[in-house]
């Protein structure tokens, strides 16, 4: 998705603003460009959530192994 967006931005930077279609595409690209940081934040929080779940699973597994050793 990001490569598509950057392709739109680079193509429109070469074009002049003489056509209405070009202006609409530029406006859409600029709106999407503003949303990229929020998309990256979502990815970061998703990674953190996955990391926490894996860590909890690891701790649970360690506790189960400790219980098995005690028995």
Protein backbone atom coordinates (compact mmCIF):
# COMPACT_ATOMS: atom_id res chain seq x y z
CA UNK A 1 0.00 0.00 0.00
CA UNK A 2 2.78 2.42 0.87
CA UNK A 3 4.58 1.75 -2.41
CA UNK A 4 1.32 2.49 -4.28
CA UNK A 5 0.90 5.74 -2.34
CA UNK A 6 4.48 6.85 -3.01
CA UNK A 7 4.02 6.01 -6.69
CA UNK A 8 0.94 8.26 -6.78
CA UNK A 9 2.83 11.04 -5.03
CA UNK A 10 5.88 10.78 -7.30
CA UNK A 11 3.76 10.66 -10.47
CA UNK A 12 1.78 13.71 -9.40
CA UNK A 13 4.88 15.67 -8.45
CA UNK A 14 5.98 15.42 -12.10
CA UNK A 15 2.61 16.53 -13.46
CA UNK A 16 1.29 20.06 -13.55
CA UNK A 17 -1.98 20.98 -11.88
CA UNK A 18 -3.76 21.85 -15.10
CA UNK A 19 -6.29 19.01 -14.97
CA UNK A 20 -9.09 18.46 -12.47
CA UNK A 21 -8.34 14.72 -12.25
CA UNK A 22 -4.76 15.44 -11.25
CA UNK A 23 -5.91 17.79 -8.49
CA UNK A 24 -8.31 15.17 -7.13
CA UNK A 25 -5.58 12.53 -7.14
CA UNK A 26 -3.18 14.89 -5.38
CA UNK A 27 -5.78 15.73 -2.73
CA UNK A 28 -6.45 12.02 -2.09
CA UNK A 29 -2.72 11.28 -1.94
CA UNK A 30 -2.13 14.12 0.53
CA UNK A 31 -4.98 12.93 2.75
CA UNK A 32 -3.54 9.41 2.75
CA UNK A 33 -0.08 10.77 3.44
CA UNK A 34 -1.38 12.44 6.61
CA UNK A 35 -2.77 9.09 7.76
CA UNK A 36 0.50 7.15 7.39
CA UNK A 37 1.79 7.98 10.90
CA UNK A 38 -1.47 6.73 12.43
CA UNK A 39 -1.19 3.52 10.38
CA UNK A 40 2.37 3.06 11.65
CA UNK A 41 1.19 3.67 15.24
CA UNK A 42 -1.44 0.96 14.82
CA UNK A 43 1.23 -1.43 13.56
CA UNK A 44 3.46 -0.58 16.52
CA UNK A 45 0.69 -1.14 19.05
CA UNK A 46 -0.23 -4.41 17.32
CA UNK A 47 3.37 -5.60 17.57
CA UNK A 48 3.44 -4.65 21.26
CA UNK A 49 0.21 -6.54 21.87
CA UNK A 50 1.51 -9.64 20.09
CA UNK A 51 4.78 -9.44 22.02
CA UNK A 52 2.87 -9.25 25.32
CA UNK A 53 0.72 -12.25 24.43
CA UNK A 54 3.77 -14.31 23.47
CA UNK A 55 5.55 -13.30 26.66
CA UNK A 56 2.54 -14.34 28.76
CA UNK A 57 2.38 -17.66 26.93
CA UNK A 58 6.08 -18.18 27.58
CA UNK A 59 5.64 -17.45 31.30
CA UNK A 60 2.66 -19.79 31.48
CA UNK A 61 4.68 -22.55 29.81
CA UNK A 62 7.53 -21.99 32.25
CA UNK A 63 5.13 -22.24 35.20
CA UNK A 64 3.67 -25.47 33.81
CA UNK A 65 7.14 -26.95 33.46
CA UNK A 66 7.96 -25.94 37.04
CA UNK A 67 4.76 -27.62 38.27
CA UNK A 68 5.59 -30.79 36.33
CA UNK A 69 9.05 -30.87 37.93
CA UNK A 70 7.54 -30.50 41.38
CA UNK A 71 5.26 -33.50 40.79
